[in-house]
């Protein structure tokens, strides 16, 4: 079993299933809780779970590494946790998963602009093909769901770019820090402001009834599997491969998200299959044969 967790494709599939299910869980949680409560709960609970590892790790860590971890956590584990729930108050869960597939594009573009990372030509082609697959799903999903407001869509685009910045920081600045120490330290830092948000948002005064207990259950699953465990696996994959390869999990997310959307009453058509095929082709081209790709930081 431990051997499986060393296989990058196994980790990629597990994360796709876990994170692809996050959007439907957010949707179910929004029936009772606000986007701010959902985001803060995810980070706060993950912090409680991982603090027994994160706090000792932070105390032994160099200040430089701690600051980079705080930055990676803000972009990858704090800001997006609020942006997606806010956006999902107006857009479908399947659309949220689809928009998230923009992350590998941002990794390639921002990696070159900020850090001088040179990508292979096949990687660029793969990213473009995968992007068109995501656009295909986006276009035909929108034909069957509610009309999306541009501002809320842009929030999800911003969240995807934020994930990309975090992935690049981890790969280039925190390569020597163990992935479990990164993930646990991230939540140990950002759980503190999350607790304040929960207090001032009125979370603890939510009426207790069947509906709120059910929604709390959805948030619990979302926090434990989609956040704490998912992020730890994601950081491990980044360090074992590259930020570009790890971010290709975003190409599989729409497939899982759309499946959940269909099960929740959304319509399915042939174009979903076309989009999924394009996404898988993109992943095949963007993959890296070498464990540690050549990068040239500026």
C-alpha atoms as a PDB file:
ATOM      1  CA  UNK A   1       0.000   0.000   0.000  1.00  0.00           C
ATOM      2  CA  UNK A   2       2.854   2.360   0.847  1.00  0.00           C
ATOM      3  CA  UNK A   3       4.301   1.684  -2.601  1.00  0.00           C
ATOM      4  CA  UNK A   4       1.141   3.060  -4.180  1.00  0.00           C
ATOM      5  CA  UNK A   5       1.625   6.394  -2.399  1.00  0.00           C
ATOM      6  CA  UNK A   6       5.009   6.686  -4.099  1.00  0.00           C
ATOM      7  CA  UNK A   7       3.350   6.408  -7.514  1.00  0.00           C
ATOM      8  CA  UNK A   8       2.684   9.865  -8.940  1.00  0.00           C
ATOM      9  CA  UNK A   9      -0.276   8.718 -11.049  1.00  0.00           C
ATOM     10  CA  UNK A  10      -1.949   7.064  -8.064  1.00  0.00           C
ATOM     11  CA  UNK A  11      -1.580  10.267  -6.043  1.00  0.00           C
ATOM     12  CA  UNK A  12      -2.918  12.287  -8.970  1.00  0.00           C
ATOM     13  CA  UNK A  13      -6.068  10.146  -9.241  1.00  0.00           C
ATOM     14  CA  UNK A  14      -6.690  10.162  -5.466  1.00  0.00           C
ATOM     15  CA  UNK A  15      -6.412  13.960  -5.370  1.00  0.00           C
ATOM     16  CA  UNK A  16      -8.660  14.328  -8.407  1.00  0.00           C
ATOM     17  CA  UNK A  17     -11.398  12.293  -6.737  1.00  0.00           C
ATOM     18  CA  UNK A  18     -10.963  14.069  -3.415  1.00  0.00           C
ATOM     19  CA  UNK A  19     -10.767  17.624  -4.750  1.00  0.00           C
ATOM     20  CA  UNK A  20     -13.250  16.998  -7.525  1.00  0.00           C
ATOM     21  CA  UNK A  21     -15.798  16.134  -4.843  1.00  0.00           C
ATOM     22  CA  UNK A  22     -15.031  19.311  -2.893  1.00  0.00           C
ATOM     23  CA  UNK A  23     -17.236  21.522  -5.038  1.00  0.00           C
ATOM     24  CA  UNK A  24     -20.417  19.528  -4.459  1.00  0.00           C
ATOM     25  CA  UNK A  25     -19.605  19.454  -0.734  1.00  0.00           C
ATOM     26  CA  UNK A  26     -19.228  23.239  -0.758  1.00  0.00           C
ATOM     27  CA  UNK A  27     -22.576  23.514  -2.528  1.00  0.00           C
ATOM     28  CA  UNK A  28     -24.270  21.365   0.122  1.00  0.00           C
ATOM     29  CA  UNK A  29     -22.618  23.325   2.934  1.00  0.00           C
ATOM     30  CA  UNK A  30     -23.833  26.638   1.507  1.00  0.00           C
ATOM     31  CA  UNK A  31     -27.434  25.664   2.306  1.00  0.00           C
ATOM     32  CA  UNK A  32     -26.708  26.631   5.931  1.00  0.00           C
ATOM     33  CA  UNK A  33     -23.320  28.302   6.255  1.00  0.00           C
ATOM     34  CA  UNK A  34     -21.846  31.420   4.628  1.00  0.00           C
ATOM     35  CA  UNK A  35     -18.794  31.262   2.308  1.00  0.00           C
ATOM     36  CA  UNK A  36     -16.670  32.840   5.056  1.00  0.00           C
ATOM     37  CA  UNK A  37     -17.749  30.234   7.596  1.00  0.00           C
ATOM     38  CA  UNK A  38     -17.004  27.399   5.163  1.00  0.00           C
ATOM     39  CA  UNK A  39     -13.544  28.710   4.287  1.00  0.00           C
ATOM     40  CA  UNK A  40     -12.584  29.419   7.892  1.00  0.00           C
ATOM     41  CA  UNK A  41     -13.930  26.060   9.101  1.00  0.00           C
ATOM     42  CA  UNK A  42     -11.871  24.160   6.513  1.00  0.00           C
ATOM     43  CA  UNK A  43      -8.635  25.885   7.476  1.00  0.00           C
ATOM     44  CA  UNK A  44      -9.381  25.889  11.197  1.00  0.00           C
ATOM     45  CA  UNK A  45     -10.275  22.201  11.473  1.00  0.00           C
ATOM     46  CA  UNK A  46      -7.310  21.206   9.296  1.00  0.00           C
ATOM     47  CA  UNK A  47      -5.084  23.289  11.570  1.00  0.00           C
ATOM     48  CA  UNK A  48      -6.368  21.505  14.672  1.00  0.00           C
ATOM     49  CA  UNK A  49      -5.782  18.104  13.076  1.00  0.00           C
ATOM     50  CA  UNK A  50      -2.260  18.890  11.874  1.00  0.00           C
ATOM     51  CA  UNK A  51      -1.008  21.298  14.559  1.00  0.00           C
ATOM     52  CA  UNK A  52       0.624  18.506  16.582  1.00  0.00           C
ATOM     53  CA  UNK A  53       3.023  18.127  13.651  1.00  0.00           C
ATOM     54  CA  UNK A  54       2.993  21.700  12.350  1.00  0.00           C
ATOM     55  CA  UNK A  55       3.787  23.636  15.533  1.00  0.00           C
ATOM     56  CA  UNK A  56       6.892  21.580  16.469  1.00  0.00           C
ATOM     57  CA  UNK A  57       8.028  21.775  12.837  1.00  0.00           C
ATOM     58  CA  UNK A  58       7.665  25.565  12.822  1.00  0.00           C
ATOM     59  CA  UNK A  59       9.641  25.908  16.056  1.00  0.00           C
ATOM     60  CA  UNK A  60      12.585  24.029  14.519  1.00  0.00           C
ATOM     61  CA  UNK A  61      12.332  25.714  11.129  1.00  0.00           C
ATOM     62  CA  UNK A  62      14.495  28.498   9.719  1.00  0.00           C
ATOM     63  CA  UNK A  63      12.747  31.869   9.615  1.00  0.00           C
ATOM     64  CA  UNK A  64      13.202  32.040   5.859  1.00  0.00           C
ATOM     65  CA  UNK A  65      11.403  28.717   5.367  1.00  0.00           C
ATOM     66  CA  UNK A  66       8.623  29.713   7.768  1.00  0.00           C
ATOM     67  CA  UNK A  67       7.975  32.915   5.820  1.00  0.00           C
ATOM     68  CA  UNK A  68       7.837  31.050   2.508  1.00  0.00           C
ATOM     69  CA  UNK A  69       5.466  28.508   4.067  1.00  0.00           C
ATOM     70  CA  UNK A  70       3.222  31.339   5.283  1.00  0.00           C
ATOM     71  CA  UNK A  71       3.195  32.805   1.766  1.00  0.00           C
ATOM     72  CA  UNK A  72       2.497  29.431   0.134  1.00  0.00           C
ATOM     73  CA  UNK A  73      -0.279  28.838   2.639  1.00  0.00           C
ATOM     74  CA  UNK A  74      -1.938  32.170   1.983  1.00  0.00           C
ATOM     75  CA  UNK A  75      -2.062  31.609  -1.774  1.00  0.00           C
ATOM     76  CA  UNK A  76      -2.797  27.893  -1.698  1.00  0.00           C
ATOM     77  CA  UNK A  77      -4.647  27.163   1.537  1.00  0.00           C
ATOM     78  CA  UNK A  78      -6.297  30.336   2.780  1.00  0.00           C
ATOM     79  CA  UNK A  79      -7.417  32.737   0.040  1.00  0.00           C
ATOM     80  CA  UNK A  80      -8.901  30.090  -2.341  1.00  0.00           C
ATOM     81  CA  UNK A  81     -10.849  28.526   0.530  1.00  0.00           C
ATOM     82  CA  UNK A  82     -12.977  31.678   0.592  1.00  0.00           C
ATOM     83  CA  UNK A  83     -12.988  32.590  -3.106  1.00  0.00           C
ATOM     84  CA  UNK A  84     -14.580  29.338  -4.290  1.00  0.00           C
ATOM     85  CA  UNK A  85     -17.472  29.321  -1.782  1.00  0.00           C
ATOM     86  CA  UNK A  86     -18.164  32.991  -2.531  1.00  0.00           C
ATOM     87  CA  UNK A  87     -18.272  32.215  -6.256  1.00  0.00           C
ATOM     88  CA  UNK A  88     -20.451  29.144  -5.729  1.00  0.00           C
ATOM     89  CA  UNK A  89     -23.209  31.277  -4.273  1.00  0.00           C
ATOM     90  CA  UNK A  90     -23.879  32.209  -7.914  1.00  0.00           C
ATOM     91  CA  UNK A  91     -22.390  29.425 -10.058  1.00  0.00           C
ATOM     92  CA  UNK A  92     -22.755  25.643 -10.212  1.00  0.00           C
ATOM     93  CA  UNK A  93     -20.409  23.201  -8.483  1.00  0.00           C
ATOM     94  CA  UNK A  94     -19.444  21.609 -11.804  1.00  0.00           C
ATOM     95  CA  UNK A  95     -18.491  25.004 -13.239  1.00  0.00           C
ATOM     96  CA  UNK A  96     -16.295  25.671 -10.209  1.00  0.00           C
ATOM     97  CA  UNK A  97     -14.400  22.445 -10.865  1.00  0.00           C
ATOM     98  CA  UNK A  98     -14.047  23.332 -14.524  1.00  0.00           C
ATOM     99  CA  UNK A  99     -12.640  26.811 -13.884  1.00  0.00           C
ATOM    100  CA  UNK A 100     -10.118  25.291 -11.487  1.00  0.00           C
ATOM    101  CA  UNK A 101      -8.548  23.502 -14.455  1.00  0.00           C
ATOM    102  CA  UNK A 102      -6.901  26.791 -15.422  1.00  0.00           C
ATOM    103  CA  UNK A 103      -4.256  26.243 -12.750  1.00  0.00           C
ATOM    104  CA  UNK A 104      -1.649  24.453 -14.949  1.00  0.00           C
ATOM    105  CA  UNK A 105      -1.844  27.331 -17.431  1.00  0.00           C
ATOM    106  CA  UNK A 106      -1.043  29.777 -14.643  1.00  0.00           C
ATOM    107  CA  UNK A 107       1.811  27.544 -13.448  1.00  0.00           C
ATOM    108  CA  UNK A 108       3.423  27.663 -16.885  1.00  0.00           C
ATOM    109  CA  UNK A 109       2.864  31.397 -17.411  1.00  0.00           C
ATOM    110  CA  UNK A 110       3.674  32.609 -13.887  1.00  0.00           C
ATOM    111  CA  UNK A 111       6.532  30.129 -13.596  1.00  0.00           C
ATOM    112  CA  UNK A 112       8.188  31.729 -16.607  1.00  0.00           C
ATOM    113  CA  UNK A 113       7.321  35.329 -15.677  1.00  0.00           C
ATOM    114  CA  UNK A 114       8.264  35.162 -11.987  1.00  0.00           C
ATOM    115  CA  UNK A 115      10.915  32.448 -11.792  1.00  0.00           C
ATOM    116  CA  UNK A 116      12.195  31.941 -15.330  1.00  0.00           C
ATOM    117  CA  UNK A 117      11.069  28.311 -15.520  1.00  0.00           C
ATOM    118  CA  UNK A 118      11.388  27.055 -19.077  1.00  0.00           C
ATOM    119  CA  UNK A 119       8.741  24.548 -20.119  1.00  0.00           C
ATOM    120  CA  UNK A 120       9.073  22.030 -22.927  1.00  0.00           C
ATOM    121  CA  UNK A 121       7.187  22.639 -26.146  1.00  0.00           C
ATOM    122  CA  UNK A 122       5.081  19.497 -25.625  1.00  0.00           C
ATOM    123  CA  UNK A 123       4.121  20.732 -22.163  1.00  0.00           C
ATOM    124  CA  UNK A 124       2.884  24.006 -23.610  1.00  0.00           C
ATOM    125  CA  UNK A 125       0.893  22.178 -26.293  1.00  0.00           C
ATOM    126  CA  UNK A 126      -0.515  19.831 -23.647  1.00  0.00           C
ATOM    127  CA  UNK A 127      -1.559  22.750 -21.463  1.00  0.00           C
ATOM    128  CA  UNK A 128      -3.301  24.417 -24.410  1.00  0.00           C
ATOM    129  CA  UNK A 129      -5.142  21.227 -25.402  1.00  0.00           C
ATOM    130  CA  UNK A 130      -6.169  20.641 -21.800  1.00  0.00           C
ATOM    131  CA  UNK A 131      -7.357  24.230 -21.574  1.00  0.00           C
ATOM    132  CA  UNK A 132      -9.536  23.798 -24.647  1.00  0.00           C
ATOM    133  CA  UNK A 133     -10.962  20.669 -23.058  1.00  0.00           C
ATOM    134  CA  UNK A 134     -11.853  22.695 -19.986  1.00  0.00           C
ATOM    135  CA  UNK A 135     -13.366  25.435 -22.144  1.00  0.00           C
ATOM    136  CA  UNK A 136     -15.476  22.825 -23.938  1.00  0.00           C
ATOM    137  CA  UNK A 137     -16.832  21.594 -20.621  1.00  0.00           C
ATOM    138  CA  UNK A 138     -17.322  25.163 -19.468  1.00  0.00           C
ATOM    139  CA  UNK A 139     -19.270  26.230 -22.537  1.00  0.00           C
ATOM    140  CA  UNK A 140     -21.609  23.267 -22.647  1.00  0.00           C
ATOM    141  CA  UNK A 141     -22.053  23.183 -18.873  1.00  0.00           C
ATOM    142  CA  UNK A 142     -23.240  26.751 -19.007  1.00  0.00           C
ATOM    143  CA  UNK A 143     -25.855  25.842 -21.585  1.00  0.00           C
ATOM    144  CA  UNK A 144     -27.452  23.522 -19.035  1.00  0.00           C
ATOM    145  CA  UNK A 145     -27.040  25.527 -15.829  1.00  0.00           C
ATOM    146  CA  UNK A 146     -27.739  28.953 -14.485  1.00  0.00           C
ATOM    147  CA  UNK A 147     -26.227  32.016 -16.129  1.00  0.00           C
ATOM    148  CA  UNK A 148     -22.894  32.899 -14.601  1.00  0.00           C
ATOM    149  CA  UNK A 149     -22.008  36.401 -13.519  1.00  0.00           C
ATOM    150  CA  UNK A 150     -18.607  37.496 -14.796  1.00  0.00           C
ATOM    151  CA  UNK A 151     -17.405  38.835 -11.453  1.00  0.00           C
ATOM    152  CA  UNK A 152     -17.957  35.509  -9.687  1.00  0.00           C
ATOM    153  CA  UNK A 153     -16.274  33.616 -12.516  1.00  0.00           C
ATOM    154  CA  UNK A 154     -13.245  35.892 -12.199  1.00  0.00           C
ATOM    155  CA  UNK A 155     -13.058  35.068  -8.485  1.00  0.00           C
ATOM    156  CA  UNK A 156     -12.556  31.432  -9.430  1.00  0.00           C
ATOM    157  CA  UNK A 157      -9.946  32.381 -12.021  1.00  0.00           C
ATOM    158  CA  UNK A 158      -8.133  34.349  -9.309  1.00  0.00           C
ATOM    159  CA  UNK A 159      -8.294  31.303  -7.028  1.00  0.00           C
ATOM    160  CA  UNK A 160      -6.732  29.117  -9.728  1.00  0.00           C
ATOM    161  CA  UNK A 161      -3.908  31.629 -10.213  1.00  0.00           C
ATOM    162  CA  UNK A 162      -3.437  31.702  -6.443  1.00  0.00           C
ATOM    163  CA  UNK A 163      -3.045  27.906  -6.350  1.00  0.00           C
ATOM    164  CA  UNK A 164      -0.406  28.181  -9.081  1.00  0.00           C
ATOM    165  CA  UNK A 165       1.647  30.729  -7.112  1.00  0.00           C
ATOM    166  CA  UNK A 166       1.588  28.427  -4.089  1.00  0.00           C
ATOM    167  CA  UNK A 167       2.707  25.421  -6.143  1.00  0.00           C
ATOM    168  CA  UNK A 168       5.642  27.378  -7.574  1.00  0.00           C
ATOM    169  CA  UNK A 169       6.758  28.599  -4.149  1.00  0.00           C
ATOM    170  CA  UNK A 170       6.713  25.061  -2.771  1.00  0.00           C
ATOM    171  CA  UNK A 171       8.663  23.638  -5.686  1.00  0.00           C
ATOM    172  CA  UNK A 172      11.307  26.356  -5.892  1.00  0.00           C
ATOM    173  CA  UNK A 173      11.641  27.647  -2.335  1.00  0.00           C
ATOM    174  CA  UNK A 174      10.697  24.736  -0.085  1.00  0.00           C
ATOM    175  CA  UNK A 175      12.163  21.728  -1.841  1.00  0.00           C
ATOM    176  CA  UNK A 176      14.251  20.760   1.199  1.00  0.00           C
ATOM    177  CA  UNK A 177      11.320  20.867   3.646  1.00  0.00           C
ATOM    178  CA  UNK A 178       9.306  17.656   4.092  1.00  0.00           C
ATOM    179  CA  UNK A 179       5.856  17.786   2.511  1.00  0.00           C
ATOM    180  CA  UNK A 180       4.100  16.808   5.756  1.00  0.00           C
ATOM    181  CA  UNK A 181       5.891  19.656   7.545  1.00  0.00           C
ATOM    182  CA  UNK A 182       4.821  22.114   4.869  1.00  0.00           C
ATOM    183  CA  UNK A 183       1.159  21.135   4.932  1.00  0.00           C
ATOM    184  CA  UNK A 184       0.926  20.922   8.725  1.00  0.00           C
ATOM    185  CA  UNK A 185       2.795  24.214   9.238  1.00  0.00           C
ATOM    186  CA  UNK A 186       0.615  25.996   6.682  1.00  0.00           C
ATOM    187  CA  UNK A 187      -2.584  25.172   8.541  1.00  0.00           C
ATOM    188  CA  UNK A 188      -0.996  25.776  11.942  1.00  0.00           C
ATOM    189  CA  UNK A 189      -0.268  29.347  10.836  1.00  0.00           C
ATOM    190  CA  UNK A 190      -3.527  30.165   9.077  1.00  0.00           C
ATOM    191  CA  UNK A 191      -5.873  28.467  11.540  1.00  0.00           C
ATOM    192  CA  UNK A 192      -5.422  31.446  13.893  1.00  0.00           C
ATOM    193  CA  UNK A 193      -7.053  34.071  11.625  1.00  0.00           C
ATOM    194  CA  UNK A 194      -9.598  31.424  10.631  1.00  0.00           C
ATOM    195  CA  UNK A 195     -10.766  31.085  14.235  1.00  0.00           C
ATOM    196  CA  UNK A 196     -11.314  34.849  14.434  1.00  0.00           C
ATOM    197  CA  UNK A 197     -13.367  34.730  11.238  1.00  0.00           C
ATOM    198  CA  UNK A 198     -15.495  31.921  12.665  1.00  0.00           C
ATOM    199  CA  UNK A 199     -16.117  33.908  15.855  1.00  0.00           C
ATOM    200  CA  UNK A 200     -17.076  37.161  14.146  1.00  0.00           C
ATOM    201  CA  UNK A 201     -19.105  35.463  11.385  1.00  0.00           C
ATOM    202  CA  UNK A 202     -21.534  34.027  13.922  1.00  0.00           C
ATOM    203  CA  UNK A 203     -20.640  30.407  13.211  1.00  0.00           C
ATOM    204  CA  UNK A 204     -20.886  29.363  16.849  1.00  0.00           C
ATOM    205  CA  UNK A 205     -24.402  30.810  17.165  1.00  0.00           C
ATOM    206  CA  UNK A 206     -25.801  28.745  14.269  1.00  0.00           C
ATOM    207  CA  UNK A 207     -29.065  27.040  15.338  1.00  0.00           C
ATOM    208  CA  UNK A 208     -28.657  23.297  15.863  1.00  0.00           C
ATOM    209  CA  UNK A 209     -31.111  21.281  13.754  1.00  0.00           C
ATOM    210  CA  UNK A 210     -31.073  18.427  11.245  1.00  0.00           C
ATOM    211  CA  UNK A 211     -30.164  20.712   8.353  1.00  0.00           C
ATOM    212  CA  UNK A 212     -27.242  22.407  10.134  1.00  0.00           C
ATOM    213  CA  UNK A 213     -25.903  19.048  11.415  1.00  0.00           C
ATOM    214  CA  UNK A 214     -26.008  17.638   7.876  1.00  0.00           C
ATOM    215  CA  UNK A 215     -24.238  20.691   6.461  1.00  0.00           C
ATOM    216  CA  UNK A 216     -21.650  20.490   9.244  1.00  0.00           C
ATOM    217  CA  UNK A 217     -21.040  16.871   8.262  1.00  0.00           C
ATOM    218  CA  UNK A 218     -20.386  17.934   4.669  1.00  0.00           C
ATOM    219  CA  UNK A 219     -17.903  20.559   5.889  1.00  0.00           C
ATOM    220  CA  UNK A 220     -16.197  17.980   8.113  1.00  0.00           C
ATOM    221  CA  UNK A 221     -15.623  15.609   5.187  1.00  0.00           C
ATOM    222  CA  UNK A 222     -14.540  18.559   3.040  1.00  0.00           C
ATOM    223  CA  UNK A 223     -12.033  19.724   5.651  1.00  0.00           C
ATOM    224  CA  UNK A 224     -10.490  16.359   6.541  1.00  0.00           C
ATOM    225  CA  UNK A 225     -10.239  14.754   3.114  1.00  0.00           C
ATOM    226  CA  UNK A 226     -10.435  17.691   0.704  1.00  0.00           C
ATOM    227  CA  UNK A 227      -8.193  20.006   2.704  1.00  0.00           C
ATOM    228  CA  UNK A 228      -5.911  18.409   5.329  1.00  0.00           C
ATOM    229  CA  UNK A 229      -5.166  15.083   3.608  1.00  0.00           C
ATOM    230  CA  UNK A 230      -5.528  16.409   0.041  1.00  0.00           C
ATOM    231  CA  UNK A 231      -3.077  19.271   0.562  1.00  0.00           C
ATOM    232  CA  UNK A 232      -0.492  16.975   2.181  1.00  0.00           C
ATOM    233  CA  UNK A 233      -0.636  14.641  -0.827  1.00  0.00           C
ATOM    234  CA  UNK A 234      -0.487  17.599  -3.232  1.00  0.00           C
ATOM    235  CA  UNK A 235       2.669  18.999  -1.615  1.00  0.00           C
ATOM    236  CA  UNK A 236       4.286  15.566  -1.745  1.00  0.00           C
ATOM    237  CA  UNK A 237       3.471  15.286  -5.442  1.00  0.00           C
ATOM    238  CA  UNK A 238       4.945  18.728  -6.133  1.00  0.00           C
ATOM    239  CA  UNK A 239       8.217  17.795  -4.469  1.00  0.00           C
ATOM    240  CA  UNK A 240       8.372  14.366  -6.122  1.00  0.00           C
ATOM    241  CA  UNK A 241       7.643  15.702  -9.609  1.00  0.00           C
ATOM    242  CA  UNK A 242       7.063  19.368 -10.471  1.00  0.00           C
ATOM    243  CA  UNK A 243       4.557  22.167  -9.953  1.00  0.00           C
ATOM    244  CA  UNK A 244       3.389  21.718 -13.543  1.00  0.00           C
ATOM    245  CA  UNK A 245       2.720  17.982 -13.229  1.00  0.00           C
ATOM    246  CA  UNK A 246       1.067  18.312  -9.808  1.00  0.00           C
ATOM    247  CA  UNK A 247      -1.212  21.058 -11.092  1.00  0.00           C
ATOM    248  CA  UNK A 248      -2.509  18.730 -13.820  1.00  0.00           C
ATOM    249  CA  UNK A 249      -4.798  17.356 -11.130  1.00  0.00           C
ATOM    250  CA  UNK A 250      -6.884  20.373 -12.089  1.00  0.00           C
ATOM    251  CA  UNK A 251      -7.508  18.784 -15.484  1.00  0.00           C
ATOM    252  CA  UNK A 252      -9.126  15.761 -13.849  1.00  0.00           C
ATOM    253  CA  UNK A 253     -11.159  17.783 -11.359  1.00  0.00           C
ATOM    254  CA  UNK A 254     -13.803  18.863 -13.911  1.00  0.00           C
ATOM    255  CA  UNK A 255     -14.578  15.237 -14.759  1.00  0.00           C
ATOM    256  CA  UNK A 256     -15.273  14.378 -11.121  1.00  0.00           C
ATOM    257  CA  UNK A 257     -17.089  17.671 -10.524  1.00  0.00           C
ATOM    258  CA  UNK A 258     -19.343  17.191 -13.555  1.00  0.00           C
ATOM    259  CA  UNK A 259     -20.173  13.623 -12.514  1.00  0.00           C
ATOM    260  CA  UNK A 260     -21.291  14.899  -9.119  1.00  0.00           C
ATOM    261  CA  UNK A 261     -23.229  17.656 -10.851  1.00  0.00           C
ATOM    262  CA  UNK A 262     -25.072  15.104 -12.995  1.00  0.00           C
ATOM    263  CA  UNK A 263     -25.889  13.030  -9.916  1.00  0.00           C
ATOM    264  CA  UNK A 264     -27.212  16.191  -8.319  1.00  0.00           C
ATOM    265  CA  UNK A 265     -29.560  16.875 -11.216  1.00  0.00           C
ATOM    266  CA  UNK A 266     -27.463  18.612 -13.855  1.00  0.00           C
ATOM    267  CA  UNK A 267     -27.748  17.485 -17.461  1.00  0.00           C
ATOM    268  CA  UNK A 268     -25.081  15.537 -19.342  1.00  0.00           C
ATOM    269  CA  UNK A 269     -24.345  15.672 -23.061  1.00  0.00           C
ATOM    270  CA  UNK A 270     -21.881  14.314 -25.604  1.00  0.00           C
ATOM    271  CA  UNK A 271     -19.669  17.412 -25.383  1.00  0.00           C
ATOM    272  CA  UNK A 272     -18.731  16.523 -21.820  1.00  0.00           C
ATOM    273  CA  UNK A 273     -17.060  13.400 -23.210  1.00  0.00           C
ATOM    274  CA  UNK A 274     -15.215  15.433 -25.855  1.00  0.00           C
ATOM    275  CA  UNK A 275     -13.955  17.830 -23.214  1.00  0.00           C
ATOM    276  CA  UNK A 276     -12.816  14.968 -20.994  1.00  0.00           C
ATOM    277  CA  UNK A 277     -10.851  13.354 -23.849  1.00  0.00           C
ATOM    278  CA  UNK A 278      -9.085  16.639 -24.623  1.00  0.00           C
ATOM    279  CA  UNK A 279      -8.195  17.012 -20.958  1.00  0.00           C
ATOM    280  CA  UNK A 280      -6.684  13.529 -20.784  1.00  0.00           C
ATOM    281  CA  UNK A 281      -4.658  14.195 -23.948  1.00  0.00           C
ATOM    282  CA  UNK A 282      -3.383  17.369 -22.342  1.00  0.00           C
ATOM    283  CA  UNK A 283      -2.293  15.480 -19.220  1.00  0.00           C
ATOM    284  CA  UNK A 284      -0.461  12.918 -21.351  1.00  0.00           C
ATOM    285  CA  UNK A 285       1.513  15.642 -23.129  1.00  0.00           C
ATOM    286  CA  UNK A 286       2.226  17.716 -20.034  1.00  0.00           C
ATOM    287  CA  UNK A 287       3.660  14.801 -18.070  1.00  0.00           C
ATOM    288  CA  UNK A 288       7.369  14.812 -17.306  1.00  0.00           C
ATOM    289  CA  UNK A 289       9.622  11.802 -17.664  1.00  0.00           C
ATOM    290  CA  UNK A 290      12.299  13.199 -15.386  1.00  0.00           C
ATOM    291  CA  UNK A 291      11.657  13.347 -11.666  1.00  0.00           C
ATOM    292  CA  UNK A 292      13.366  16.708 -11.286  1.00  0.00           C
ATOM    293  CA  UNK A 293      12.936  18.983 -14.303  1.00  0.00           C
ATOM    294  CA  UNK A 294      15.529  21.547 -15.245  1.00  0.00           C
ATOM    295  CA  UNK A 295      14.656  25.020 -13.991  1.00  0.00           C
ATOM    296  CA  UNK A 296      16.533  28.268 -14.234  1.00  0.00           C
ATOM    297  CA  UNK A 297      15.518  30.681 -11.455  1.00  0.00           C
ATOM    298  CA  UNK A 298      16.215  34.313 -12.224  1.00  0.00           C
END
